[in-house]
Amino acid sequence: MEPKIKKNRIVQKILKVVKDKVSFFITAHSNPDGDTLGSELALNSWLRKLGKRVTIVNVDAVPEIYRFLPRVDLIKKKKKVVGNFDVGFILECSDPGRIGGIINLDGQLGLVISIDHHLFSQSYGDINWFDSQASATAEQVYQLIKKSGETLTYEEALCLYVGILTDTGKFQQKNTTAQTHKIIADLLSYGINPEEIHSKIYATKSYSTLRLLGLTLNSLKLVAKGKIAYQEITQEMYKRTENYQHDEETINYPLTIPQVEISILFREIAEEKNKVKVGFRSRNKVDVHKIAKHFGGGGHQNASGCVIEGNLKQVKNLVLNYIKKSFA
C-alpha cells in the first residue's frame, strides 16, 4: 500500500474514533519539549471545539520557556492518573514506557491512539500513526485537524508552530522538508509573530539559567581526536545555581567546533539517584539514533536520547567506550 494511502486510512480511523467517543486523555513522553507541548495543546483545543471532554497529564512539569503557550495551565503534572477514559492519545512516544507509568494503557483507556514521527516506534496502540517523514508530531496533529474540516484557531496555529520550530532545531535539521515549510507558511497566515516566539524560547534566559550553562560548558571535554564532545550536569550544579531546568540549546554548542561530530550531554536525575539522562546530537551522516537505541532510547538520526541506570561516572564510561569504537 502506498504510504500516502495508508496514512489517509489511519487518519480517517482516528477521525471516526473522535466522532464516536466522548472522553479523551492526552499525554506524551517525560521531560516535555516544544513539540510535545504544542501538539498536546493544539489537539486538546481541537477536541474541545468538537464538544469532547479532555484531560492532559504529563509525568514532568512544563519547562519555564514554554509557559507562554496559550492555555498551558491545562497541562497537569502527576505521577499517577485516576479514572478511565474512552480514548488515550499518546504523543511522540516510541515506547509506552516513556510516559512514566502515569496511566494503565490497558485498564484505564478504552482505546489507545499513538501518534509519533520517530523511527522504529513500537506498535503498542490500537491505532498507530507513525510518520518518520514528518518533522514533528505537530505536523501530524496539523494534518489531523485539517483533515477533520475544522478551521485552525490562532492559538492552535501558534502551538503547532512552536512544535515544529523546536523539533527541527529552528528549521536547521535534516527532518525539515518542503512539506514542513508549506505547513509553516500556512501557520504564519494566522498572524503568528516569529520574532516574538523566537525571543521567548531562545533569547530569554534567567540569571540562574546562564550560571548553569556556564558550569555545564566548563565541563566540556573532547575525546576520540576531537570528534566526540561531552558535557555533564550534576545535582550539585543544579543546587549551586538554584536552577533545575537546563537550557535546551546546551547540547548543541559543542557542534559549533568544526571537528566535533557527536555532542553528548549527561544529566543526573533528581528523582532517581541511580539514573542518568543522556542526550545525543550529531552533524551530517553520523547516526546517533543507533547509539541511543543500543541503550534503550531512540529519536532521530541527528538528535536522540536515552536513560541509563548507574551513577554518572559509570554511565559516562559505558557510553563513551561504546561510541569510541566507531572512531577507532
C-alpha atoms as a PDB file:
ATOM      1  CA  MET A   1       0.000   0.000   0.000  1.00  0.00           C
ATOM      2  CA  GLU A   2       1.296   3.491  -0.884  1.00  0.00           C
ATOM      3  CA  PRO A   3       2.421   5.439   2.220  1.00  0.00           C
ATOM      4  CA  LYS A   4       0.054   8.326   1.428  1.00  0.00           C
ATOM      5  CA  ILE A   5      -2.939   5.991   1.065  1.00  0.00           C
ATOM      6  CA  LYS A   6      -2.015   4.190   4.282  1.00  0.00           C
ATOM      7  CA  LYS A   7      -1.684   7.497   6.143  1.00  0.00           C
ATOM      8  CA  ASN A   8      -5.063   8.701   4.908  1.00  0.00           C
ATOM      9  CA  ARG A   9      -6.712   5.474   6.093  1.00  0.00           C
ATOM     10  CA  ILE A  10      -5.161   5.816   9.545  1.00  0.00           C
ATOM     11  CA  VAL A  11      -6.237   9.450   9.801  1.00  0.00           C
ATOM     12  CA  GLN A  12      -9.792   8.519   8.818  1.00  0.00           C
ATOM     13  CA  LYS A  13      -9.810   5.824  11.524  1.00  0.00           C
ATOM     14  CA  ILE A  14      -8.738   8.401  14.102  1.00  0.00           C
ATOM     15  CA  LEU A  15     -11.388  10.871  12.940  1.00  0.00           C
ATOM     16  CA  LYS A  16     -14.096   8.207  13.279  1.00  0.00           C
ATOM     17  CA  VAL A  17     -12.965   7.410  16.825  1.00  0.00           C
ATOM     18  CA  VAL A  18     -13.018  11.104  17.698  1.00  0.00           C
ATOM     19  CA  LYS A  19     -16.532  11.419  16.288  1.00  0.00           C
ATOM     20  CA  ASP A  20     -17.850   8.413  18.231  1.00  0.00           C
ATOM     21  CA  LYS A  21     -16.170   8.880  21.629  1.00  0.00           C
ATOM     22  CA  VAL A  22     -16.609  11.423  24.412  1.00  0.00           C
ATOM     23  CA  SER A  23     -13.764  11.429  26.955  1.00  0.00           C
ATOM     24  CA  PHE A  24     -10.135  11.806  25.901  1.00  0.00           C
ATOM     25  CA  PHE A  25      -6.819  11.577  27.738  1.00  0.00           C
ATOM     26  CA  ILE A  26      -3.653  13.121  26.284  1.00  0.00           C
ATOM     27  CA  THR A  27      -0.078  12.513  27.391  1.00  0.00           C
ATOM     28  CA  ALA A  28       3.419  12.318  25.946  1.00  0.00           C
ATOM     29  CA  HIS A  29       6.991  11.478  26.858  1.00  0.00           C
ATOM     30  CA  SER A  30       8.706  12.568  30.076  1.00  0.00           C
ATOM     31  CA  ASN A  31      10.642  15.849  30.032  1.00  0.00           C
ATOM     32  CA  PRO A  32       8.190  17.501  27.631  1.00  0.00           C
ATOM     33  CA  ASP A  33       9.620  19.658  24.851  1.00  0.00           C
ATOM     34  CA  GLY A  34       8.134  22.162  22.428  1.00  0.00           C
ATOM     35  CA  ASP A  35       6.755  19.519  20.093  1.00  0.00           C
ATOM     36  CA  THR A  36       5.224  17.545  22.947  1.00  0.00           C
ATOM     37  CA  LEU A  37       3.508  20.558  24.489  1.00  0.00           C
ATOM     38  CA  GLY A  38       2.487  22.272  21.274  1.00  0.00           C
ATOM     39  CA  SER A  39       0.955  19.058  19.942  1.00  0.00           C
ATOM     40  CA  GLU A  40      -0.886  18.348  23.195  1.00  0.00           C
ATOM     41  CA  LEU A  41      -2.372  21.835  23.404  1.00  0.00           C
ATOM     42  CA  ALA A  42      -3.438  22.003  19.755  1.00  0.00           C
ATOM     43  CA  LEU A  43      -5.006  18.538  19.956  1.00  0.00           C
ATOM     44  CA  ASN A  44      -6.778  19.498  23.181  1.00  0.00           C
ATOM     45  CA  SER A  45      -8.187  22.681  21.645  1.00  0.00           C
ATOM     46  CA  TRP A  46      -9.477  20.855  18.575  1.00  0.00           C
ATOM     47  CA  LEU A  47     -11.144  18.122  20.644  1.00  0.00           C
ATOM     48  CA  ARG A  48     -12.820  20.672  22.922  1.00  0.00           C
ATOM     49  CA  LYS A  49     -14.203  22.519  19.897  1.00  0.00           C
ATOM     50  CA  LEU A  50     -15.852  19.230  18.947  1.00  0.00           C
ATOM     51  CA  GLY A  51     -17.504  19.078  22.362  1.00  0.00           C
ATOM     52  CA  LYS A  52     -15.230  16.431  23.865  1.00  0.00           C
ATOM     53  CA  ARG A  53     -14.048  16.114  27.463  1.00  0.00           C
ATOM     54  CA  VAL A  54     -10.262  16.332  27.540  1.00  0.00           C
ATOM     55  CA  THR A  55      -7.610  15.759  30.212  1.00  0.00           C
ATOM     56  CA  ILE A  56      -3.893  16.402  29.630  1.00  0.00           C
ATOM     57  CA  VAL A  57      -1.357  14.985  32.082  1.00  0.00           C
ATOM     58  CA  ASN A  58       2.415  14.576  31.848  1.00  0.00           C
ATOM     59  CA  VAL A  59       4.751  12.983  34.346  1.00  0.00           C
ATOM     60  CA  ASP A  60       7.036  16.057  34.310  1.00  0.00           C
ATOM     61  CA  ALA A  61       6.322  19.765  34.602  1.00  0.00           C
ATOM     62  CA  VAL A  62       6.165  22.233  31.727  1.00  0.00           C
ATOM     63  CA  PRO A  63       9.590  23.893  31.282  1.00  0.00           C
ATOM     64  CA  GLU A  64       9.570  27.608  32.059  1.00  0.00           C
ATOM     65  CA  ILE A  65      10.378  28.649  28.475  1.00  0.00           C
ATOM     66  CA  TYR A  66       7.085  27.161  27.292  1.00  0.00           C
ATOM     67  CA  ARG A  67       4.868  28.730  29.942  1.00  0.00           C
ATOM     68  CA  PHE A  68       3.814  31.376  27.401  1.00  0.00           C
ATOM     69  CA  LEU A  69       1.874  28.831  25.334  1.00  0.00           C
ATOM     70  CA  PRO A  70      -1.888  29.505  25.321  1.00  0.00           C
ATOM     71  CA  ARG A  71      -3.877  27.505  27.888  1.00  0.00           C
ATOM     72  CA  VAL A  72      -0.710  25.776  29.083  1.00  0.00           C
ATOM     73  CA  ASP A  73      -2.184  25.552  32.593  1.00  0.00           C
ATOM     74  CA  LEU A  74      -4.477  22.805  31.305  1.00  0.00           C
ATOM     75  CA  ILE A  75      -1.440  20.515  31.264  1.00  0.00           C
ATOM     76  CA  LYS A  76      -1.171  18.917  34.701  1.00  0.00           C
ATOM     77  CA  LYS A  77       1.799  17.164  36.254  1.00  0.00           C
ATOM     78  CA  LYS A  78       1.020  13.897  38.052  1.00  0.00           C
ATOM     79  CA  LYS A  79       2.762  10.643  38.843  1.00  0.00           C
ATOM     80  CA  LYS A  80      -0.495   8.676  38.614  1.00  0.00           C
ATOM     81  CA  VAL A  81      -3.809   9.422  36.922  1.00  0.00           C
ATOM     82  CA  VAL A  82      -7.096   8.262  38.460  1.00  0.00           C
ATOM     83  CA  GLY A  83     -10.125   7.407  36.347  1.00  0.00           C
ATOM     84  CA  ASN A  84     -10.983   5.901  32.984  1.00  0.00           C
ATOM     85  CA  PHE A  85     -11.237   7.452  29.530  1.00  0.00           C
ATOM     86  CA  ASP A  86     -12.777   6.394  26.237  1.00  0.00           C
ATOM     87  CA  VAL A  87      -9.614   7.214  24.307  1.00  0.00           C
ATOM     88  CA  GLY A  88      -5.993   7.933  25.114  1.00  0.00           C
ATOM     89  CA  PHE A  89      -3.767   9.902  22.744  1.00  0.00           C
ATOM     90  CA  ILE A  90      -0.107   9.064  23.362  1.00  0.00           C
ATOM     91  CA  LEU A  91       2.043  11.596  21.541  1.00  0.00           C
ATOM     92  CA  GLU A  92       5.682  11.352  20.498  1.00  0.00           C
ATOM     93  CA  CYS A  93       6.356   8.159  22.434  1.00  0.00           C
ATOM     94  CA  SER A  94       8.220   5.475  20.522  1.00  0.00           C
ATOM     95  CA  ASP A  95       7.989   3.338  23.671  1.00  0.00           C
ATOM     96  CA  PRO A  96       4.975   3.417  26.055  1.00  0.00           C
ATOM     97  CA  GLY A  97       7.378   3.325  28.984  1.00  0.00           C
ATOM     98  CA  ARG A  98       8.401   6.887  28.158  1.00  0.00           C
ATOM     99  CA  ILE A  99       5.158   8.285  29.612  1.00  0.00           C
ATOM    100  CA  GLY A 100       6.484   7.387  33.052  1.00  0.00           C
ATOM    101  CA  GLY A 101       3.796   4.914  34.071  1.00  0.00           C
ATOM    102  CA  ILE A 102       1.220   7.615  34.828  1.00  0.00           C
ATOM    103  CA  ILE A 103      -1.697   5.583  33.458  1.00  0.00           C
ATOM    104  CA  ASN A 104      -2.547   1.948  32.706  1.00  0.00           C
ATOM    105  CA  LEU A 105      -2.968   1.828  28.946  1.00  0.00           C
ATOM    106  CA  ASP A 106      -4.944  -1.416  29.071  1.00  0.00           C
ATOM    107  CA  GLY A 107      -7.003  -0.841  32.205  1.00  0.00           C
ATOM    108  CA  GLN A 108      -7.854   2.885  32.087  1.00  0.00           C
ATOM    109  CA  LEU A 109      -8.073   3.633  28.375  1.00  0.00           C
ATOM    110  CA  GLY A 110     -10.779   2.094  26.228  1.00  0.00           C
ATOM    111  CA  LEU A 111      -8.715   2.678  23.116  1.00  0.00           C
ATOM    112  CA  VAL A 112      -5.129   3.883  22.605  1.00  0.00           C
ATOM    113  CA  ILE A 113      -4.014   6.069  19.688  1.00  0.00           C
ATOM    114  CA  SER A 114      -0.259   6.509  19.295  1.00  0.00           C
ATOM    115  CA  ILE A 115       0.977   9.378  17.110  1.00  0.00           C
ATOM    116  CA  ASP A 116       4.722   9.660  16.574  1.00  0.00           C
ATOM    117  CA  HIS A 117       7.270  10.760  13.998  1.00  0.00           C
ATOM    118  CA  HIS A 118      10.301   8.865  15.300  1.00  0.00           C
ATOM    119  CA  LEU A 119      11.966   5.936  13.598  1.00  0.00           C
ATOM    120  CA  PHE A 120      11.313   2.424  14.922  1.00  0.00           C
ATOM    121  CA  SER A 121       8.335   3.292  17.113  1.00  0.00           C
ATOM    122  CA  GLN A 122       6.651   0.370  18.848  1.00  0.00           C
ATOM    123  CA  SER A 123       3.132  -0.543  17.718  1.00  0.00           C
ATOM    124  CA  TYR A 124       1.537  -0.536  21.156  1.00  0.00           C
ATOM    125  CA  GLY A 125      -1.678   1.341  20.340  1.00  0.00           C
ATOM    126  CA  ASP A 126      -4.993   0.189  18.931  1.00  0.00           C
ATOM    127  CA  ILE A 127      -4.303   2.756  16.222  1.00  0.00           C
ATOM    128  CA  ASN A 128      -0.681   3.622  15.449  1.00  0.00           C
ATOM    129  CA  TRP A 129       0.163   6.561  13.217  1.00  0.00           C
ATOM    130  CA  PHE A 130       3.910   6.624  12.661  1.00  0.00           C
ATOM    131  CA  ASP A 131       5.292   9.024  10.070  1.00  0.00           C
ATOM    132  CA  SER A 132       9.079   9.340  10.032  1.00  0.00           C
ATOM    133  CA  GLN A 133       8.753  11.801   7.136  1.00  0.00           C
ATOM    134  CA  ALA A 134       7.050  14.305   9.426  1.00  0.00           C
ATOM    135  CA  SER A 135       9.439  16.790  11.014  1.00  0.00           C
ATOM    136  CA  ALA A 136       7.463  16.804  14.257  1.00  0.00           C
ATOM    137  CA  THR A 137       4.375  15.308  15.832  1.00  0.00           C
ATOM    138  CA  ALA A 138       2.934  18.810  15.492  1.00  0.00           C
ATOM    139  CA  GLU A 139       2.961  18.268  11.710  1.00  0.00           C
ATOM    140  CA  GLN A 140       0.790  15.189  12.181  1.00  0.00           C
ATOM    141  CA  VAL A 141      -1.629  16.984  14.513  1.00  0.00           C
ATOM    142  CA  TYR A 142      -1.851  19.787  11.940  1.00  0.00           C
ATOM    143  CA  GLN A 143      -2.753  17.258   9.234  1.00  0.00           C
ATOM    144  CA  LEU A 144      -5.329  15.607  11.510  1.00  0.00           C
ATOM    145  CA  ILE A 145      -7.102  18.895  12.246  1.00  0.00           C
ATOM    146  CA  LYS A 146      -7.037  19.900   8.584  1.00  0.00           C
ATOM    147  CA  LYS A 147      -8.482  16.536   7.504  1.00  0.00           C
ATOM    148  CA  SER A 148     -11.307  16.980  10.015  1.00  0.00           C
ATOM    149  CA  GLY A 149     -12.511  20.026   8.114  1.00  0.00           C
ATOM    150  CA  GLU A 150     -12.202  22.257  11.172  1.00  0.00           C
ATOM    151  CA  THR A 151     -10.559  25.661  10.815  1.00  0.00           C
ATOM    152  CA  LEU A 152      -7.427  26.201  12.871  1.00  0.00           C
ATOM    153  CA  THR A 153      -7.555  28.897  15.524  1.00  0.00           C
ATOM    154  CA  TYR A 154      -4.732  31.355  16.145  1.00  0.00           C
ATOM    155  CA  GLU A 155      -3.860  29.561  19.397  1.00  0.00           C
ATOM    156  CA  GLU A 156      -3.728  26.160  17.715  1.00  0.00           C
ATOM    157  CA  ALA A 157      -1.543  27.553  14.937  1.00  0.00           C
ATOM    158  CA  LEU A 158       0.831  29.103  17.470  1.00  0.00           C
ATOM    159  CA  CYS A 159       1.165  25.834  19.402  1.00  0.00           C
ATOM    160  CA  LEU A 160       1.817  23.835  16.238  1.00  0.00           C
ATOM    161  CA  TYR A 161       4.352  26.408  15.033  1.00  0.00           C
ATOM    162  CA  VAL A 162       6.274  26.083  18.305  1.00  0.00           C
ATOM    163  CA  GLY A 163       6.207  22.291  17.988  1.00  0.00           C
ATOM    164  CA  ILE A 164       7.705  22.326  14.509  1.00  0.00           C
ATOM    165  CA  LEU A 165      10.133  25.178  15.201  1.00  0.00           C
ATOM    166  CA  THR A 166      11.695  23.438  18.186  1.00  0.00           C
ATOM    167  CA  ASP A 167      11.745  19.881  16.847  1.00  0.00           C
ATOM    168  CA  THR A 168      13.533  20.936  13.670  1.00  0.00           C
ATOM    169  CA  GLY A 169      16.153  22.898  15.600  1.00  0.00           C
ATOM    170  CA  LYS A 170      14.857  26.193  14.188  1.00  0.00           C
ATOM    171  CA  PHE A 171      14.425  24.582  10.752  1.00  0.00           C
ATOM    172  CA  GLN A 172      18.084  23.553  10.615  1.00  0.00           C
ATOM    173  CA  GLN A 173      17.908  19.777  10.964  1.00  0.00           C
ATOM    174  CA  LYS A 174      17.542  17.193   8.211  1.00  0.00           C
ATOM    175  CA  ASN A 175      13.948  16.450   9.170  1.00  0.00           C
ATOM    176  CA  THR A 176      12.993  19.880   7.776  1.00  0.00           C
ATOM    177  CA  THR A 177      11.300  19.270   4.412  1.00  0.00           C
ATOM    178  CA  ALA A 178       9.430  21.181   1.723  1.00  0.00           C
ATOM    179  CA  GLN A 179       6.223  19.925   3.353  1.00  0.00           C
ATOM    180  CA  THR A 180       7.400  21.373   6.660  1.00  0.00           C
ATOM    181  CA  HIS A 181       7.794  24.821   5.133  1.00  0.00           C
ATOM    182  CA  LYS A 182       4.400  24.587   3.413  1.00  0.00           C
ATOM    183  CA  ILE A 183       2.783  23.882   6.777  1.00  0.00           C
ATOM    184  CA  ILE A 184       4.753  26.687   8.430  1.00  0.00           C
ATOM    185  CA  ALA A 185       3.643  29.087   5.680  1.00  0.00           C
ATOM    186  CA  ASP A 186       0.020  28.214   6.426  1.00  0.00           C
ATOM    187  CA  LEU A 187       0.509  28.589  10.183  1.00  0.00           C
ATOM    188  CA  LEU A 188       2.082  32.024   9.696  1.00  0.00           C
ATOM    189  CA  SER A 189      -1.033  33.134   7.835  1.00  0.00           C
ATOM    190  CA  TYR A 190      -2.890  33.067  11.167  1.00  0.00           C
ATOM    191  CA  GLY A 191      -0.910  36.075  12.382  1.00  0.00           C
ATOM    192  CA  ILE A 192       1.872  34.371  14.330  1.00  0.00           C
ATOM    193  CA  ASN A 193       4.852  36.588  15.200  1.00  0.00           C
ATOM    194  CA  PRO A 194       8.040  34.515  14.599  1.00  0.00           C
ATOM    195  CA  GLU A 195      10.313  37.113  16.184  1.00  0.00           C
ATOM    196  CA  GLU A 196       8.304  37.141  19.405  1.00  0.00           C
ATOM    197  CA  ILE A 197       8.212  33.340  19.640  1.00  0.00           C
ATOM    198  CA  HIS A 198      11.944  33.027  18.920  1.00  0.00           C
ATOM    199  CA  SER A 199      12.662  35.603  21.617  1.00  0.00           C
ATOM    200  CA  LYS A 200      10.593  33.776  24.230  1.00  0.00           C
ATOM    201  CA  ILE A 201      12.117  30.359  23.533  1.00  0.00           C
ATOM    202  CA  TYR A 202      15.702  31.098  22.532  1.00  0.00           C
ATOM    203  CA  ALA A 203      16.556  34.670  23.515  1.00  0.00           C
ATOM    204  CA  THR A 204      15.145  34.972  27.037  1.00  0.00           C
ATOM    205  CA  LYS A 205      17.219  33.376  29.790  1.00  0.00           C
ATOM    206  CA  SER A 206      17.309  33.892  33.532  1.00  0.00           C
ATOM    207  CA  TYR A 207      20.450  34.638  35.508  1.00  0.00           C
ATOM    208  CA  SER A 208      20.350  31.169  37.082  1.00  0.00           C
ATOM    209  CA  THR A 209      19.987  29.552  33.645  1.00  0.00           C
ATOM    210  CA  LEU A 210      23.101  31.323  32.392  1.00  0.00           C
ATOM    211  CA  ARG A 211      25.006  30.327  35.541  1.00  0.00           C
ATOM    212  CA  LEU A 212      24.073  26.678  34.964  1.00  0.00           C
ATOM    213  CA  LEU A 213      25.017  26.998  31.298  1.00  0.00           C
ATOM    214  CA  GLY A 214      28.408  28.382  32.306  1.00  0.00           C
ATOM    215  CA  LEU A 215      29.102  25.476  34.655  1.00  0.00           C
ATOM    216  CA  THR A 216      27.977  22.986  32.030  1.00  0.00           C
ATOM    217  CA  LEU A 217      30.154  24.475  29.294  1.00  0.00           C
ATOM    218  CA  ASN A 218      33.045  24.481  31.748  1.00  0.00           C
ATOM    219  CA  SER A 219      32.676  20.677  31.979  1.00  0.00           C
ATOM    220  CA  LEU A 220      33.144  20.300  28.207  1.00  0.00           C
ATOM    221  CA  LYS A 221      35.672  17.669  27.133  1.00  0.00           C
ATOM    222  CA  LEU A 222      36.782  16.335  23.745  1.00  0.00           C
ATOM    223  CA  VAL A 223      37.776  12.725  23.047  1.00  0.00           C
ATOM    224  CA  ALA A 224      38.363  10.488  20.011  1.00  0.00           C
ATOM    225  CA  LYS A 225      40.677  13.027  18.368  1.00  0.00           C
ATOM    226  CA  GLY A 226      38.150  15.779  18.953  1.00  0.00           C
ATOM    227  CA  LYS A 227      35.295  14.025  17.174  1.00  0.00           C
ATOM    228  CA  ILE A 228      33.264  13.455  20.348  1.00  0.00           C
ATOM    229  CA  ALA A 229      32.369  16.229  22.787  1.00  0.00           C
ATOM    230  CA  TYR A 230      30.599  15.680  26.078  1.00  0.00           C
ATOM    231  CA  GLN A 231      29.288  17.776  28.955  1.00  0.00           C
ATOM    232  CA  GLU A 232      27.640  16.954  32.254  1.00  0.00           C
ATOM    233  CA  ILE A 233      25.107  18.434  34.647  1.00  0.00           C
ATOM    234  CA  THR A 234      25.253  17.143  38.205  1.00  0.00           C
ATOM    235  CA  GLN A 235      22.823  17.561  41.076  1.00  0.00           C
ATOM    236  CA  GLU A 236      25.427  19.740  42.775  1.00  0.00           C
ATOM    237  CA  MET A 237      25.383  22.085  39.760  1.00  0.00           C
ATOM    238  CA  TYR A 238      21.591  22.328  39.892  1.00  0.00           C
ATOM    239  CA  LYS A 239      21.685  23.153  43.597  1.00  0.00           C
ATOM    240  CA  ARG A 240      24.542  25.613  43.257  1.00  0.00           C
ATOM    241  CA  THR A 241      22.719  27.648  40.619  1.00  0.00           C
ATOM    242  CA  GLU A 242      19.232  27.076  42.085  1.00  0.00           C
ATOM    243  CA  ASN A 243      18.119  26.115  38.582  1.00  0.00           C
ATOM    244  CA  TYR A 244      16.707  22.678  37.787  1.00  0.00           C
ATOM    245  CA  GLN A 245      15.839  23.280  34.131  1.00  0.00           C
ATOM    246  CA  HIS A 246      18.796  23.404  31.771  1.00  0.00           C
ATOM    247  CA  ASP A 247      18.969  25.414  28.544  1.00  0.00           C
ATOM    248  CA  GLU A 248      17.808  23.150  25.694  1.00  0.00           C
ATOM    249  CA  GLU A 249      20.500  24.629  23.444  1.00  0.00           C
ATOM    250  CA  THR A 250      23.309  23.484  25.776  1.00  0.00           C
ATOM    251  CA  ILE A 251      23.843  20.211  23.955  1.00  0.00           C
ATOM    252  CA  ASN A 252      24.182  21.951  20.583  1.00  0.00           C
ATOM    253  CA  TYR A 253      27.040  24.328  21.442  1.00  0.00           C
ATOM    254  CA  PRO A 254      29.862  21.749  21.057  1.00  0.00           C
ATOM    255  CA  LEU A 255      28.755  21.109  17.463  1.00  0.00           C
ATOM    256  CA  THR A 256      29.960  24.613  16.601  1.00  0.00           C
ATOM    257  CA  ILE A 257      33.504  23.213  16.957  1.00  0.00           C
ATOM    258  CA  PRO A 258      34.399  22.187  13.364  1.00  0.00           C
ATOM    259  CA  GLN A 259      35.843  18.736  14.111  1.00  0.00           C
ATOM    260  CA  VAL A 260      33.126  17.641  16.558  1.00  0.00           C
ATOM    261  CA  GLU A 261      30.740  15.088  15.035  1.00  0.00           C
ATOM    262  CA  ILE A 262      28.877  13.963  18.166  1.00  0.00           C
ATOM    263  CA  SER A 263      27.832  16.045  21.171  1.00  0.00           C
ATOM    264  CA  ILE A 264      26.691  14.280  24.353  1.00  0.00           C
ATOM    265  CA  LEU A 265      25.038  15.742  27.451  1.00  0.00           C
ATOM    266  CA  PHE A 266      24.925  13.631  30.625  1.00  0.00           C
ATOM    267  CA  ARG A 267      22.379  14.785  33.229  1.00  0.00           C
ATOM    268  CA  GLU A 268      21.839  13.331  36.688  1.00  0.00           C
ATOM    269  CA  ILE A 269      18.165  12.771  37.507  1.00  0.00           C
ATOM    270  CA  ALA A 270      16.953  14.414  40.697  1.00  0.00           C
ATOM    271  CA  GLU A 271      14.150  11.958  41.452  1.00  0.00           C
ATOM    272  CA  GLU A 272      16.178   8.834  40.710  1.00  0.00           C
ATOM    273  CA  LYS A 273      19.714   8.893  42.060  1.00  0.00           C
ATOM    274  CA  ASN A 274      20.946   5.902  40.097  1.00  0.00           C
ATOM    275  CA  LYS A 275      19.837   7.005  36.629  1.00  0.00           C
ATOM    276  CA  VAL A 276      21.352   9.393  34.098  1.00  0.00           C
ATOM    277  CA  LYS A 277      19.676  11.048  31.130  1.00  0.00           C
ATOM    278  CA  VAL A 278      21.880  11.086  28.057  1.00  0.00           C
ATOM    279  CA  GLY A 279      21.261  13.334  25.067  1.00  0.00           C
ATOM    280  CA  PHE A 280      22.975  12.913  21.703  1.00  0.00           C
ATOM    281  CA  ARG A 281      23.338  15.386  18.839  1.00  0.00           C
ATOM    282  CA  SER A 282      25.322  14.935  15.638  1.00  0.00           C
ATOM    283  CA  ARG A 283      26.077  16.526  12.320  1.00  0.00           C
ATOM    284  CA  ASN A 284      25.904  15.241   8.758  1.00  0.00           C
ATOM    285  CA  LYS A 285      25.509  11.457   8.379  1.00  0.00           C
ATOM    286  CA  VAL A 286      26.502  10.424  11.906  1.00  0.00           C
ATOM    287  CA  ASP A 287      23.520   8.410  13.209  1.00  0.00           C
ATOM    288  CA  VAL A 288      23.117   8.891  16.964  1.00  0.00           C
ATOM    289  CA  HIS A 289      19.723   7.169  16.880  1.00  0.00           C
ATOM    290  CA  LYS A 290      21.562   3.850  16.644  1.00  0.00           C
ATOM    291  CA  ILE A 291      23.593   4.749  19.725  1.00  0.00           C
ATOM    292  CA  ALA A 292      20.522   5.747  21.730  1.00  0.00           C
ATOM    293  CA  LYS A 293      18.669   2.623  20.601  1.00  0.00           C
ATOM    294  CA  HIS A 294      21.544   0.448  21.836  1.00  0.00           C
ATOM    295  CA  PHE A 295      20.914   1.860  25.321  1.00  0.00           C
ATOM    296  CA  GLY A 296      17.132   1.532  25.145  1.00  0.00           C
ATOM    297  CA  GLY A 297      16.355   5.010  23.836  1.00  0.00           C
ATOM    298  CA  GLY A 298      15.595   6.483  20.455  1.00  0.00           C
ATOM    299  CA  GLY A 299      14.889   9.574  18.405  1.00  0.00           C
ATOM    300  CA  HIS A 300      16.237  10.825  15.094  1.00  0.00           C
ATOM    301  CA  GLN A 301      19.445  10.387  13.131  1.00  0.00           C
ATOM    302  CA  ASN A 302      20.907  13.661  14.414  1.00  0.00           C
ATOM    303  CA  ALA A 303      19.049  14.033  17.719  1.00  0.00           C
ATOM    304  CA  SER A 304      18.325  11.202  20.153  1.00  0.00           C
ATOM    305  CA  GLY A 305      18.405  10.313  23.826  1.00  0.00           C
ATOM    306  CA  CYS A 306      18.067   7.629  26.473  1.00  0.00           C
ATOM    307  CA  VAL A 307      18.055   6.984  30.219  1.00  0.00           C
ATOM    308  CA  ILE A 308      20.709   4.647  31.624  1.00  0.00           C
ATOM    309  CA  GLU A 309      20.896   3.092  35.079  1.00  0.00           C
ATOM    310  CA  GLY A 310      24.078   3.749  37.031  1.00  0.00           C
ATOM    311  CA  ASN A 311      25.927   6.674  38.556  1.00  0.00           C
ATOM    312  CA  LEU A 312      27.302   9.465  36.405  1.00  0.00           C
ATOM    313  CA  LYS A 313      30.827   8.072  36.181  1.00  0.00           C
ATOM    314  CA  GLN A 314      29.617   4.587  35.246  1.00  0.00           C
ATOM    315  CA  VAL A 315      27.245   5.870  32.579  1.00  0.00           C
ATOM    316  CA  LYS A 316      29.854   8.175  31.049  1.00  0.00           C
ATOM    317  CA  ASN A 317      32.356   5.342  30.781  1.00  0.00           C
ATOM    318  CA  LEU A 318      29.750   2.976  29.350  1.00  0.00           C
ATOM    319  CA  VAL A 319      28.561   5.385  26.660  1.00  0.00           C
ATOM    320  CA  LEU A 320      31.935   6.815  25.703  1.00  0.00           C
ATOM    321  CA  ASN A 321      33.577   3.402  25.416  1.00  0.00           C
ATOM    322  CA  TYR A 322      30.754   2.222  23.174  1.00  0.00           C
ATOM    323  CA  ILE A 323      30.915   5.266  20.907  1.00  0.00           C
ATOM    324  CA  LYS A 324      34.707   5.373  20.678  1.00  0.00           C
ATOM    325  CA  LYS A 325      34.652   2.008  18.912  1.00  0.00           C
ATOM    326  CA  SER A 326      33.129   3.757  15.916  1.00  0.00           C
ATOM    327  CA  PHE A 327      36.061   6.156  15.748  1.00  0.00           C
ATOM    328  CA  ALA A 328      38.872   3.708  16.455  1.00  0.00           C
END
